[in-house]
Amino acid sequence: MSYLRTTLAVTGILATTLALAGCSSSQPMGGMGGMAGDSSSSASAGDFNTKDVTFTQMMIPHHEQAVMMSDVILAKKGIDSRVIELATNIKSAQGPEIKTMKSWLKAWGASDGGMAGMDHGNSGMMSDSEMTGLDSATGTDAARLFLTGMTAHHEGAIVMAETEVTGGKNADAISLAKEIIAAQTSEITAMKEILVSL
């Protein structure tokens, strides 16, 4: 289970950010999935800046790996029902958010982002070897690897979301960042509780 496709897709993030820095920050965008030029959605969405773009570009592959991790654990037998419920909820929440964020990038005229140059340790992203270990593990060992990995993954997402809240400009992106902080903080608490009881 490799997320190589994620890392290959992202070599242009710096160039994209620099290019956007030269653009006016007053460009309109679509709302939650709206397109630029749609006056009704752009009026409610407001402006965006380079931090909004960077946050969105980096959160998409981050979410994609969380969905991938959830798929791995959901495909296994003998997993604690609480872990199954958690993985199902993560997949259900983050899948639609990926689609929403991709629509923003399209409306902003930005590439579909990625994590080039990102420190996987700080972002909480699992390495290829860690993903392989999760894929190979069974039962309680798999559940523990998932919970430990997803806790770190969520912690990285919260840091990224907090950066967006303090530096972003787009109302929809900031709102999503706040939702990520609230939801994933709650899930971290739940995962730690499950871990100690396995």
C-alpha atoms as a PDB file:
ATOM      1  CA  MET A   1       0.000   0.000   0.000  1.00  0.00           C
ATOM      2  CA  SER A   2       2.052   2.924  -1.223  1.00  0.00           C
ATOM      3  CA  TYR A   3       1.120   6.538  -1.500  1.00  0.00           C
ATOM      4  CA  LEU A   4       3.820   7.109  -4.120  1.00  0.00           C
ATOM      5  CA  ARG A   5       1.222   8.573  -6.446  1.00  0.00           C
ATOM      6  CA  THR A   6       0.685  11.315  -3.884  1.00  0.00           C
ATOM      7  CA  THR A   7       4.312  12.293  -3.689  1.00  0.00           C
ATOM      8  CA  LEU A   8       4.757  12.150  -7.479  1.00  0.00           C
ATOM      9  CA  ALA A   9       1.878  14.534  -8.004  1.00  0.00           C
ATOM     10  CA  VAL A  10       3.269  17.288  -5.884  1.00  0.00           C
ATOM     11  CA  THR A  11       6.524  18.589  -7.207  1.00  0.00           C
ATOM     12  CA  GLY A  12       4.906  21.814  -8.333  1.00  0.00           C
ATOM     13  CA  ILE A  13       3.517  23.041  -5.029  1.00  0.00           C
ATOM     14  CA  LEU A  14       6.246  25.620  -4.457  1.00  0.00           C
ATOM     15  CA  ALA A  15       5.957  26.988  -7.945  1.00  0.00           C
ATOM     16  CA  THR A  16       2.194  27.189  -7.591  1.00  0.00           C
ATOM     17  CA  THR A  17       2.451  29.038  -4.296  1.00  0.00           C
ATOM     18  CA  LEU A  18       4.980  31.534  -5.682  1.00  0.00           C
ATOM     19  CA  ALA A  19       2.917  32.086  -8.786  1.00  0.00           C
ATOM     20  CA  LEU A  20      -0.204  32.747  -6.750  1.00  0.00           C
ATOM     21  CA  ALA A  21       1.688  35.144  -4.525  1.00  0.00           C
ATOM     22  CA  GLY A  22       1.943  37.457  -7.512  1.00  0.00           C
ATOM     23  CA  CYS A  23      -1.807  37.326  -8.140  1.00  0.00           C
ATOM     24  CA  SER A  24      -4.388  39.614  -6.668  1.00  0.00           C
ATOM     25  CA  SER A  25      -5.860  38.190  -3.485  1.00  0.00           C
ATOM     26  CA  SER A  26      -9.237  39.591  -4.484  1.00  0.00           C
ATOM     27  CA  GLN A  27      -9.937  36.958  -7.125  1.00  0.00           C
ATOM     28  CA  PRO A  28     -13.430  35.475  -6.798  1.00  0.00           C
ATOM     29  CA  MET A  29     -13.962  31.784  -6.317  1.00  0.00           C
ATOM     30  CA  GLY A  30     -16.861  29.396  -6.225  1.00  0.00           C
ATOM     31  CA  GLY A  31     -18.448  28.350  -2.954  1.00  0.00           C
ATOM     32  CA  MET A  32     -18.482  24.784  -1.708  1.00  0.00           C
ATOM     33  CA  GLY A  33     -17.921  23.306  -5.146  1.00  0.00           C
ATOM     34  CA  GLY A  34     -18.978  26.456  -7.038  1.00  0.00           C
ATOM     35  CA  MET A  35     -16.970  27.811  -9.946  1.00  0.00           C
ATOM     36  CA  ALA A  36     -15.376  31.214 -10.432  1.00  0.00           C
ATOM     37  CA  GLY A  37     -17.748  33.421 -12.349  1.00  0.00           C
ATOM     38  CA  ASP A  38     -20.822  32.189 -10.506  1.00  0.00           C
ATOM     39  CA  SER A  39     -21.775  35.456  -8.828  1.00  0.00           C
ATOM     40  CA  SER A  40     -24.066  33.898  -6.237  1.00  0.00           C
ATOM     41  CA  SER A  41     -21.468  31.447  -4.949  1.00  0.00           C
ATOM     42  CA  SER A  42     -18.445  33.732  -5.281  1.00  0.00           C
ATOM     43  CA  ALA A  43     -20.203  36.446  -3.301  1.00  0.00           C
ATOM     44  CA  SER A  44     -20.599  34.137  -0.320  1.00  0.00           C
ATOM     45  CA  ALA A  45     -17.164  32.572  -0.690  1.00  0.00           C
ATOM     46  CA  GLY A  46     -15.128  35.763  -0.630  1.00  0.00           C
ATOM     47  CA  ASP A  47     -11.443  36.142  -1.414  1.00  0.00           C
ATOM     48  CA  PHE A  48      -8.585  33.671  -1.096  1.00  0.00           C
ATOM     49  CA  ASN A  49      -4.858  33.901  -0.572  1.00  0.00           C
ATOM     50  CA  THR A  50      -1.820  31.670  -1.023  1.00  0.00           C
ATOM     51  CA  LYS A  51      -2.258  30.139   2.440  1.00  0.00           C
ATOM     52  CA  ASP A  52      -5.738  28.953   1.451  1.00  0.00           C
ATOM     53  CA  VAL A  53      -4.301  27.340  -1.677  1.00  0.00           C
ATOM     54  CA  THR A  54      -1.378  25.722   0.142  1.00  0.00           C
ATOM     55  CA  PHE A  55      -3.637  24.399   2.914  1.00  0.00           C
ATOM     56  CA  THR A  56      -6.002  22.872   0.379  1.00  0.00           C
ATOM     57  CA  GLN A  57      -3.239  21.388  -1.779  1.00  0.00           C
ATOM     58  CA  MET A  58      -1.621  19.755   1.237  1.00  0.00           C
ATOM     59  CA  MET A  59      -4.799  18.610   2.968  1.00  0.00           C
ATOM     60  CA  ILE A  60      -6.083  16.705  -0.081  1.00  0.00           C
ATOM     61  CA  PRO A  61      -3.320  14.032  -0.108  1.00  0.00           C
ATOM     62  CA  HIS A  62      -3.367  14.030   3.687  1.00  0.00           C
ATOM     63  CA  HIS A  63      -7.059  13.138   3.622  1.00  0.00           C
ATOM     64  CA  GLU A  64      -6.467  10.643   0.815  1.00  0.00           C
ATOM     65  CA  GLN A  65      -4.016   8.716   2.968  1.00  0.00           C
ATOM     66  CA  ALA A  66      -6.452   8.725   5.909  1.00  0.00           C
ATOM     67  CA  VAL A  67      -9.071   7.195   3.617  1.00  0.00           C
ATOM     68  CA  MET A  68      -6.510   4.649   2.419  1.00  0.00           C
ATOM     69  CA  MET A  69      -5.616   3.727   6.012  1.00  0.00           C
ATOM     70  CA  SER A  70      -9.305   3.342   6.794  1.00  0.00           C
ATOM     71  CA  ASP A  71      -9.816   1.099   3.766  1.00  0.00           C
ATOM     72  CA  VAL A  72      -6.946  -1.121   4.913  1.00  0.00           C
ATOM     73  CA  ILE A  73      -8.340  -1.632   8.410  1.00  0.00           C
ATOM     74  CA  LEU A  74     -11.924  -2.050   7.179  1.00  0.00           C
ATOM     75  CA  ALA A  75     -10.822  -4.897   4.895  1.00  0.00           C
ATOM     76  CA  LYS A  76      -9.445  -6.920   7.816  1.00  0.00           C
ATOM     77  CA  LYS A  77     -11.231  -9.489   9.944  1.00  0.00           C
ATOM     78  CA  GLY A  78     -11.156  -9.610  13.726  1.00  0.00           C
ATOM     79  CA  ILE A  79     -10.841  -5.844  14.258  1.00  0.00           C
ATOM     80  CA  ASP A  80     -12.393  -4.254  17.345  1.00  0.00           C
ATOM     81  CA  SER A  81     -15.833  -2.861  16.497  1.00  0.00           C
ATOM     82  CA  ARG A  82     -14.889   0.563  17.889  1.00  0.00           C
ATOM     83  CA  VAL A  83     -11.984   0.770  15.438  1.00  0.00           C
ATOM     84  CA  ILE A  84     -14.247  -0.278  12.571  1.00  0.00           C
ATOM     85  CA  GLU A  85     -16.735   2.443  13.511  1.00  0.00           C
ATOM     86  CA  LEU A  86     -13.984   5.052  13.745  1.00  0.00           C
ATOM     87  CA  ALA A  87     -12.469   4.108  10.382  1.00  0.00           C
ATOM     88  CA  THR A  88     -15.912   4.175   8.765  1.00  0.00           C
ATOM     89  CA  ASN A  89     -16.578   7.654  10.155  1.00  0.00           C
ATOM     90  CA  ILE A  90     -13.188   8.968   9.012  1.00  0.00           C
ATOM     91  CA  LYS A  91     -13.734   7.657   5.495  1.00  0.00           C
ATOM     92  CA  SER A  92     -17.296   9.033   5.356  1.00  0.00           C
ATOM     93  CA  ALA A  93     -16.185  12.502   6.488  1.00  0.00           C
ATOM     94  CA  GLN A  94     -12.945  12.928   4.589  1.00  0.00           C
ATOM     95  CA  GLY A  95     -14.038  11.504   1.227  1.00  0.00           C
ATOM     96  CA  PRO A  96     -16.522  14.317   0.558  1.00  0.00           C
ATOM     97  CA  GLU A  97     -14.068  16.906   1.914  1.00  0.00           C
ATOM     98  CA  ILE A  98     -11.522  15.799  -0.691  1.00  0.00           C
ATOM     99  CA  LYS A  99     -14.062  16.450  -3.464  1.00  0.00           C
ATOM    100  CA  THR A 100     -14.911  19.852  -2.011  1.00  0.00           C
ATOM    101  CA  MET A 101     -11.269  20.908  -1.761  1.00  0.00           C
ATOM    102  CA  LYS A 102     -10.543  19.762  -5.317  1.00  0.00           C
ATOM    103  CA  SER A 103     -13.418  21.933  -6.527  1.00  0.00           C
ATOM    104  CA  TRP A 104     -11.885  24.925  -4.735  1.00  0.00           C
ATOM    105  CA  LEU A 105      -8.538  24.424  -6.432  1.00  0.00           C
ATOM    106  CA  LYS A 106     -10.245  24.185  -9.808  1.00  0.00           C
ATOM    107  CA  ALA A 107     -12.144  27.410  -9.132  1.00  0.00           C
ATOM    108  CA  TRP A 108      -8.940  29.128  -7.991  1.00  0.00           C
ATOM    109  CA  GLY A 109      -7.042  27.999 -11.082  1.00  0.00           C
ATOM    110  CA  ALA A 110      -4.548  26.089  -8.914  1.00  0.00           C
ATOM    111  CA  SER A 111      -3.098  22.631  -9.472  1.00  0.00           C
ATOM    112  CA  ASP A 112      -4.366  19.617  -7.560  1.00  0.00           C
ATOM    113  CA  GLY A 113      -1.600  20.149  -5.066  1.00  0.00           C
ATOM    114  CA  GLY A 114       0.457  17.749  -3.070  1.00  0.00           C
ATOM    115  CA  MET A 115       3.139  17.466  -0.413  1.00  0.00           C
ATOM    116  CA  ALA A 116       6.438  18.083  -2.164  1.00  0.00           C
ATOM    117  CA  GLY A 117       9.097  18.884   0.386  1.00  0.00           C
ATOM    118  CA  MET A 118       6.763  18.284   3.306  1.00  0.00           C
ATOM    119  CA  ASP A 119       8.204  16.693   6.421  1.00  0.00           C
ATOM    120  CA  HIS A 120       6.177  13.512   6.782  1.00  0.00           C
ATOM    121  CA  GLY A 121       7.047  13.323  10.471  1.00  0.00           C
ATOM    122  CA  ASN A 122       5.584  16.759  11.177  1.00  0.00           C
ATOM    123  CA  SER A 123       2.567  16.190   8.940  1.00  0.00           C
ATOM    124  CA  GLY A 124       1.749  12.846  10.503  1.00  0.00           C
ATOM    125  CA  MET A 125       1.787  11.102   7.137  1.00  0.00           C
ATOM    126  CA  MET A 126       2.670   7.417   7.314  1.00  0.00           C
ATOM    127  CA  SER A 127       5.719   6.260   5.367  1.00  0.00           C
ATOM    128  CA  ASP A 128       5.598   3.526   2.750  1.00  0.00           C
ATOM    129  CA  SER A 129       7.077   1.039   5.225  1.00  0.00           C
ATOM    130  CA  GLU A 130       4.512   1.993   7.880  1.00  0.00           C
ATOM    131  CA  MET A 131       1.689   1.542   5.394  1.00  0.00           C
ATOM    132  CA  THR A 132       3.118  -1.849   4.445  1.00  0.00           C
ATOM    133  CA  GLY A 133       3.251  -2.796   8.124  1.00  0.00           C
ATOM    134  CA  LEU A 134      -0.380  -1.796   8.580  1.00  0.00           C
ATOM    135  CA  ASP A 135      -1.348  -3.767   5.509  1.00  0.00           C
ATOM    136  CA  SER A 136       0.426  -6.882   6.767  1.00  0.00           C
ATOM    137  CA  ALA A 137      -0.737  -6.755  10.393  1.00  0.00           C
ATOM    138  CA  THR A 138      -3.728  -8.652  11.714  1.00  0.00           C
ATOM    139  CA  GLY A 139      -6.161  -8.470  14.618  1.00  0.00           C
ATOM    140  CA  THR A 140      -5.216  -6.386  17.631  1.00  0.00           C
ATOM    141  CA  ASP A 141      -1.781  -5.584  16.204  1.00  0.00           C
ATOM    142  CA  ALA A 142      -3.414  -4.061  13.127  1.00  0.00           C
ATOM    143  CA  ALA A 143      -5.865  -2.102  15.271  1.00  0.00           C
ATOM    144  CA  ARG A 144      -3.019  -0.694  17.378  1.00  0.00           C
ATOM    145  CA  LEU A 145      -1.008   0.293  14.288  1.00  0.00           C
ATOM    146  CA  PHE A 146      -4.052   1.990  12.812  1.00  0.00           C
ATOM    147  CA  LEU A 147      -4.890   3.906  15.984  1.00  0.00           C
ATOM    148  CA  THR A 148      -1.291   4.972  16.583  1.00  0.00           C
ATOM    149  CA  GLY A 149      -0.799   5.986  12.958  1.00  0.00           C
ATOM    150  CA  MET A 150      -4.119   7.803  12.695  1.00  0.00           C
ATOM    151  CA  THR A 151      -3.509   9.688  15.934  1.00  0.00           C
ATOM    152  CA  ALA A 152      -0.246  11.074  14.556  1.00  0.00           C
ATOM    153  CA  HIS A 153      -1.981  11.695  11.220  1.00  0.00           C
ATOM    154  CA  HIS A 154      -4.736  13.696  12.918  1.00  0.00           C
ATOM    155  CA  GLU A 155      -2.220  15.663  14.979  1.00  0.00           C
ATOM    156  CA  GLY A 156      -0.475  16.705  11.762  1.00  0.00           C
ATOM    157  CA  ALA A 157      -3.774  17.701  10.170  1.00  0.00           C
ATOM    158  CA  ILE A 158      -4.664  19.839  13.186  1.00  0.00           C
ATOM    159  CA  VAL A 159      -1.388  21.757  12.899  1.00  0.00           C
ATOM    160  CA  MET A 160      -2.084  22.381   9.200  1.00  0.00           C
ATOM    161  CA  ALA A 161      -5.650  23.462   9.968  1.00  0.00           C
ATOM    162  CA  GLU A 162      -4.537  25.833  12.731  1.00  0.00           C
ATOM    163  CA  THR A 163      -2.164  27.500  10.254  1.00  0.00           C
ATOM    164  CA  GLU A 164      -5.082  27.996   7.875  1.00  0.00           C
ATOM    165  CA  VAL A 165      -7.309  29.464  10.591  1.00  0.00           C
ATOM    166  CA  THR A 166      -4.687  32.052  11.549  1.00  0.00           C
ATOM    167  CA  GLY A 167      -3.381  32.883   8.064  1.00  0.00           C
ATOM    168  CA  GLY A 168      -6.062  31.962   5.552  1.00  0.00           C
ATOM    169  CA  LYS A 169      -8.510  34.371   3.947  1.00  0.00           C
ATOM    170  CA  ASN A 170     -11.223  32.270   2.331  1.00  0.00           C
ATOM    171  CA  ALA A 171     -14.232  31.797   4.591  1.00  0.00           C
ATOM    172  CA  ASP A 172     -15.023  28.293   3.350  1.00  0.00           C
ATOM    173  CA  ALA A 173     -11.447  27.065   3.754  1.00  0.00           C
ATOM    174  CA  ILE A 174     -11.188  28.544   7.252  1.00  0.00           C
ATOM    175  CA  SER A 175     -14.542  26.975   8.165  1.00  0.00           C
ATOM    176  CA  LEU A 176     -13.354  23.561   6.985  1.00  0.00           C
ATOM    177  CA  ALA A 177     -10.096  23.983   8.931  1.00  0.00           C
ATOM    178  CA  LYS A 178     -12.076  24.686  12.103  1.00  0.00           C
ATOM    179  CA  GLU A 179     -14.236  21.617  11.473  1.00  0.00           C
ATOM    180  CA  ILE A 180     -11.101  19.496  11.014  1.00  0.00           C
ATOM    181  CA  ILE A 181      -9.660  20.764  14.303  1.00  0.00           C
ATOM    182  CA  ALA A 182     -12.870  20.015  16.230  1.00  0.00           C
ATOM    183  CA  ALA A 183     -13.591  16.609  14.679  1.00  0.00           C
ATOM    184  CA  GLN A 184     -10.059  15.277  14.734  1.00  0.00           C
ATOM    185  CA  THR A 185      -9.346  16.487  18.270  1.00  0.00           C
ATOM    186  CA  SER A 186     -12.388  14.507  19.383  1.00  0.00           C
ATOM    187  CA  GLU A 187     -11.266  11.449  17.395  1.00  0.00           C
ATOM    188  CA  ILE A 188      -7.766  11.618  18.908  1.00  0.00           C
ATOM    189  CA  THR A 189      -9.317  11.429  22.372  1.00  0.00           C
ATOM    190  CA  ALA A 190     -11.419   8.442  21.329  1.00  0.00           C
ATOM    191  CA  MET A 191      -8.471   6.662  19.714  1.00  0.00           C
ATOM    192  CA  LYS A 192      -6.306   7.059  22.805  1.00  0.00           C
ATOM    193  CA  GLU A 193      -9.092   5.627  24.947  1.00  0.00           C
ATOM    194  CA  ILE A 194      -9.476   2.636  22.634  1.00  0.00           C
ATOM    195  CA  LEU A 195      -5.724   2.049  22.557  1.00  0.00           C
ATOM    196  CA  VAL A 196      -5.414   1.656  26.312  1.00  0.00           C
ATOM    197  CA  SER A 197      -8.287  -0.836  26.385  1.00  0.00           C
ATOM    198  CA  LEU A 198      -7.153  -3.137  23.558  1.00  0.00           C
END
